[in-house]
Amino acid sequence: MELVRGTAALSRRIKHPVLTIGNFDGVHLGHRSILETVVGRARSLGGEAVLLTFDPHPRKVLRPDSGPSLLTTLEQKIELLADSQIDVVVVEPFDLEFARTPPEVFVNEYIHRRIAPREVYVGYDFHFGKDREGSMRLLAETGPKLGFSVTIIPEITVGERSVNSTRVRDLLSRGEVEEAGELLGRPFSVRGNVVQGMQRGRGMGFPTANLAPENEILPSPGVYACAVRFLDEGTPDRGEIFPAVTNLGYRPTFDDQRDLVAEAHLLDFSDDLYGRKIELVFLSLLRVEQKFESVETLREQIGRDVEELRKWLGAHPGAMANLAEPHS
C-alpha cells in the first residue's frame, strides 16, 4: 500500500482511481463494507483503490473540548487499511485553514484535479467542506459533471444494532468488549510501551507489564481476558502472542492511583519487558474492578482471575489462533 501525506504530495497520476473519503476511526464493519466495495470496483476497472482520510480528526480541530476519543491511533488505522487491500491512502492534514475550504473547492481541487477518480463511494453520513456545508446531494450532482459517479453506501447493522464508531465507544465504556469486537470485526486493542510500575504484582507472585497506552480510549475499569502481542524486535519475538489477565483500573485496594492503569499478567511468563512495545487485545470482561480488604485477599483473587482466564481460553479454543495474523 502506498501512503501519501496530503493530496498536494501526489506525485503520479493514479490509474483509474476508485475513491472513498472519510475518517474511518476504528475501521469497523461499516467501514469495511465501503472498503470492500471500493477495492472490488477498482479491481473490476483495472484501477487502484484510493482512500482519502484526515489527520487530526476534524472534530479535534474544530471542537477540541468535545472531539471524540479515537478508537485507533493513526498507525493502527493505516495498518488496518493496508489489510483491506486499499492501494493508496492519502492522509490530508486537517487544520483551521483547511477547514475553511468551500465544498465546491474541495470537490473540484482536492477530489477532481488531484485524484481524478472514476467513481466515489462514501458513507451515508458523509459531509464535507466549510461548516460541513457540503452535502451528498452536492457531491452527487457535481461528480458526473466532472467525470465521476457517486454512490452512497447505506448504514450497516449487526443484528438490530447500527455499526458506527460512537456505538463502539459506548460499548467499551461499559466494558462490553466482546460486543464492541463484533462491531469492529476484530477484538478491540490498544498499543504502547511497557513502563516500570510499583512492582506490587511481582511481590504477590503475579508480575505485570504496565502499559503506557498510545490510544485515546480504554474500556471501563475491570479485569479482562486479553492477549499481548509484541510489536518490536526482541525476546519474545515480534509478533508473538501470549494470553494475559489484565487489570484496568485505579488500584482501589492501595488508594494511590488517580489515573487509569493497564497491568497485564502474561500467563506462564515472567521476563523483564520494560521498554517493549506491545498491543493489548481485549477478549472478554472477567469481572468489574473492586476494592479488597487486604493485599492477601487481592492476591487470592488474582489467582482466581488467572484460573478464570484459563477456563475462558478452554471454552474459546480458537481465540488465540484467530489473533495469529496481526490485524485480521
Foldseek 3Di string as FASTA:
>chain_A
DAEAAALVRDDDAFFQEEEEEEACFLVWPQVLVQLLVQCVVQVVVVGAYEYEHEPPDQCCAVPVVDDDFTLDDPVLRVVLSVVSVHDYYYYYYDHPVQLQFAPVCCCVPVPCPRHNHQEYEYEPPDFDHHVSPRDVVNCQVVQVVSRHHYDYDYFDADPNHTQDPVVLQVCLQVQNQQVSCNRRVHTRKWKAFFADDPQVCVVLVFAWGKGPTPGRDGGHFAKFWKKKAFCDDDPVGHLDIFIWIWGWAQQQQVPPGDDTIIITGTPPDDDDRGGTMIMITGDHGPTHDDHDPDPVVVSVVVVVSVVVSVVVCVVVVCNVVVPSPPND
